[in-house]
């Protein structure tokens, strides 16, 4: 599991396409909500395939979707923690 709360922490993300996607989303969210760091409004949590049980149950999620990023598919969901904080979960899944 990798928890990303700022742009610098994206350096640890593999593959490169996923790193670029998350960096772009972080920049967009920070601009939209006019904050200096992502941690003020949320974080990204990247789970390995073997960590699928850590993905919150669907009823806890604001929404869930499948994203195709590069040559991989990810289950993406957003869990709202409070009035102004959310967690974006990404779990790599098999292509169908």
C-alpha atoms as a PDB file:
ATOM      1  CA  UNK A   1       0.000   0.000   0.000  1.00  0.00           C
ATOM      2  CA  UNK A   2       1.177   3.485  -0.843  1.00  0.00           C
ATOM      3  CA  UNK A   3      -0.542   6.525   0.652  1.00  0.00           C
ATOM      4  CA  UNK A   4       0.042   9.704  -1.346  1.00  0.00           C
ATOM      5  CA  UNK A   5      -0.623  13.057   0.326  1.00  0.00           C
ATOM      6  CA  UNK A   6       1.539  15.344  -1.835  1.00  0.00           C
ATOM      7  CA  UNK A   7       3.163  15.579  -5.269  1.00  0.00           C
ATOM      8  CA  UNK A   8       6.619  14.538  -3.996  1.00  0.00           C
ATOM      9  CA  UNK A   9       5.238  11.180  -2.854  1.00  0.00           C
ATOM     10  CA  UNK A  10       4.219  10.334  -6.425  1.00  0.00           C
ATOM     11  CA  UNK A  11       7.918   9.602  -7.096  1.00  0.00           C
ATOM     12  CA  UNK A  12       7.379   6.160  -5.524  1.00  0.00           C
ATOM     13  CA  UNK A  13       4.525   5.186  -7.852  1.00  0.00           C
ATOM     14  CA  UNK A  14       5.004   2.613 -10.569  1.00  0.00           C
ATOM     15  CA  UNK A  15       4.079   2.337 -13.424  1.00  0.00           C
ATOM     16  CA  UNK A  16       4.861   5.736 -14.915  1.00  0.00           C
ATOM     17  CA  UNK A  17       1.406   6.135 -16.504  1.00  0.00           C
ATOM     18  CA  UNK A  18      -0.238   5.764 -13.080  1.00  0.00           C
ATOM     19  CA  UNK A  19       2.245   8.233 -11.561  1.00  0.00           C
ATOM     20  CA  UNK A  20       1.424  10.817 -14.242  1.00  0.00           C
ATOM     21  CA  UNK A  21      -2.335  10.281 -13.822  1.00  0.00           C
ATOM     22  CA  UNK A  22      -2.197  10.777 -10.037  1.00  0.00           C
ATOM     23  CA  UNK A  23       0.133  13.801 -10.260  1.00  0.00           C
ATOM     24  CA  UNK A  24      -2.285  15.439 -12.691  1.00  0.00           C
ATOM     25  CA  UNK A  25      -5.265  14.668 -10.413  1.00  0.00           C
ATOM     26  CA  UNK A  26      -3.435  16.065  -7.361  1.00  0.00           C
ATOM     27  CA  UNK A  27      -2.627  19.301  -9.186  1.00  0.00           C
ATOM     28  CA  UNK A  28      -6.198  19.596 -10.428  1.00  0.00           C
ATOM     29  CA  UNK A  29      -7.716  18.986  -6.971  1.00  0.00           C
ATOM     30  CA  UNK A  30      -5.369  21.452  -5.280  1.00  0.00           C
ATOM     31  CA  UNK A  31      -6.256  24.127  -7.838  1.00  0.00           C
ATOM     32  CA  UNK A  32      -9.984  23.400  -7.667  1.00  0.00           C
ATOM     33  CA  UNK A  33     -10.113  23.557  -3.856  1.00  0.00           C
ATOM     34  CA  UNK A  34      -7.453  26.280  -3.585  1.00  0.00           C
ATOM     35  CA  UNK A  35      -5.231  24.441  -1.104  1.00  0.00           C
ATOM     36  CA  UNK A  36      -1.447  24.303  -0.755  1.00  0.00           C
ATOM     37  CA  UNK A  37      -1.212  20.545  -0.152  1.00  0.00           C
ATOM     38  CA  UNK A  38      -3.408  17.596  -1.060  1.00  0.00           C
ATOM     39  CA  UNK A  39      -3.383  16.447   2.567  1.00  0.00           C
ATOM     40  CA  UNK A  40      -5.704  19.358   3.426  1.00  0.00           C
ATOM     41  CA  UNK A  41      -8.517  17.731   1.430  1.00  0.00           C
ATOM     42  CA  UNK A  42      -7.605  14.084   0.934  1.00  0.00           C
ATOM     43  CA  UNK A  43      -5.170  11.460  -0.270  1.00  0.00           C
ATOM     44  CA  UNK A  44      -4.676   8.670  -2.781  1.00  0.00           C
ATOM     45  CA  UNK A  45      -4.300   5.115  -1.513  1.00  0.00           C
ATOM     46  CA  UNK A  46      -2.753   2.658  -3.966  1.00  0.00           C
ATOM     47  CA  UNK A  47      -3.297  -1.000  -3.239  1.00  0.00           C
ATOM     48  CA  UNK A  48      -1.489  -3.998  -4.707  1.00  0.00           C
ATOM     49  CA  UNK A  49      -3.594  -6.827  -6.135  1.00  0.00           C
ATOM     50  CA  UNK A  50      -2.838  -8.897  -3.021  1.00  0.00           C
ATOM     51  CA  UNK A  51      -4.285  -6.106  -0.836  1.00  0.00           C
ATOM     52  CA  UNK A  52      -7.782  -6.289  -2.376  1.00  0.00           C
ATOM     53  CA  UNK A  53      -9.357  -6.932   1.034  1.00  0.00           C
ATOM     54  CA  UNK A  54      -8.262  -3.416   2.105  1.00  0.00           C
ATOM     55  CA  UNK A  55     -10.473  -1.824  -0.573  1.00  0.00           C
ATOM     56  CA  UNK A  56     -13.475  -0.429   1.339  1.00  0.00           C
ATOM     57  CA  UNK A  57     -16.806  -2.111   0.773  1.00  0.00           C
ATOM     58  CA  UNK A  58     -18.852  -0.561  -1.993  1.00  0.00           C
ATOM     59  CA  UNK A  59     -21.492   0.830   0.361  1.00  0.00           C
ATOM     60  CA  UNK A  60     -18.823   3.049   1.999  1.00  0.00           C
ATOM     61  CA  UNK A  61     -17.848   4.613  -1.325  1.00  0.00           C
ATOM     62  CA  UNK A  62     -19.194   7.794  -2.874  1.00  0.00           C
ATOM     63  CA  UNK A  63     -18.693   6.107  -6.254  1.00  0.00           C
ATOM     64  CA  UNK A  64     -16.730   3.265  -7.838  1.00  0.00           C
ATOM     65  CA  UNK A  65     -15.483   2.988 -11.414  1.00  0.00           C
ATOM     66  CA  UNK A  66     -12.976   1.090 -13.518  1.00  0.00           C
ATOM     67  CA  UNK A  67     -10.175   3.237 -14.954  1.00  0.00           C
ATOM     68  CA  UNK A  68      -7.921   2.214 -17.819  1.00  0.00           C
ATOM     69  CA  UNK A  69      -4.529   3.843 -17.304  1.00  0.00           C
ATOM     70  CA  UNK A  70      -1.894   2.790 -19.801  1.00  0.00           C
ATOM     71  CA  UNK A  71      -2.157  -0.956 -20.269  1.00  0.00           C
ATOM     72  CA  UNK A  72      -3.665  -1.646 -16.818  1.00  0.00           C
ATOM     73  CA  UNK A  73      -7.137  -1.457 -15.292  1.00  0.00           C
ATOM     74  CA  UNK A  74      -7.806  -0.083 -11.823  1.00  0.00           C
ATOM     75  CA  UNK A  75     -10.824  -0.210  -9.574  1.00  0.00           C
ATOM     76  CA  UNK A  76     -11.169   3.383  -8.387  1.00  0.00           C
ATOM     77  CA  UNK A  77     -13.398   4.523  -5.572  1.00  0.00           C
ATOM     78  CA  UNK A  78     -13.743   7.578  -3.403  1.00  0.00           C
ATOM     79  CA  UNK A  79     -14.528   7.307   0.289  1.00  0.00           C
ATOM     80  CA  UNK A  80     -15.631  10.521   1.998  1.00  0.00           C
ATOM     81  CA  UNK A  81     -14.173  10.701   5.500  1.00  0.00           C
ATOM     82  CA  UNK A  82     -15.532  14.076   6.635  1.00  0.00           C
ATOM     83  CA  UNK A  83     -17.016  17.303   5.358  1.00  0.00           C
ATOM     84  CA  UNK A  84     -13.834  18.252   3.532  1.00  0.00           C
ATOM     85  CA  UNK A  85     -11.662  15.109   3.320  1.00  0.00           C
ATOM     86  CA  UNK A  86     -11.786  12.144   0.960  1.00  0.00           C
ATOM     87  CA  UNK A  87      -9.682   9.106   0.145  1.00  0.00           C
ATOM     88  CA  UNK A  88      -9.214   7.999  -3.480  1.00  0.00           C
ATOM     89  CA  UNK A  89      -8.557   4.258  -3.631  1.00  0.00           C
ATOM     90  CA  UNK A  90      -6.931   2.578  -6.626  1.00  0.00           C
ATOM     91  CA  UNK A  91      -6.609  -1.212  -6.896  1.00  0.00           C
ATOM     92  CA  UNK A  92      -5.115  -2.862  -9.960  1.00  0.00           C
ATOM     93  CA  UNK A  93      -7.497  -5.448 -11.415  1.00  0.00           C
ATOM     94  CA  UNK A  94      -7.243  -7.985 -14.226  1.00  0.00           C
ATOM     95  CA  UNK A  95      -8.241  -6.896 -17.707  1.00  0.00           C
ATOM     96  CA  UNK A  96     -11.318  -8.593 -19.053  1.00  0.00           C
END
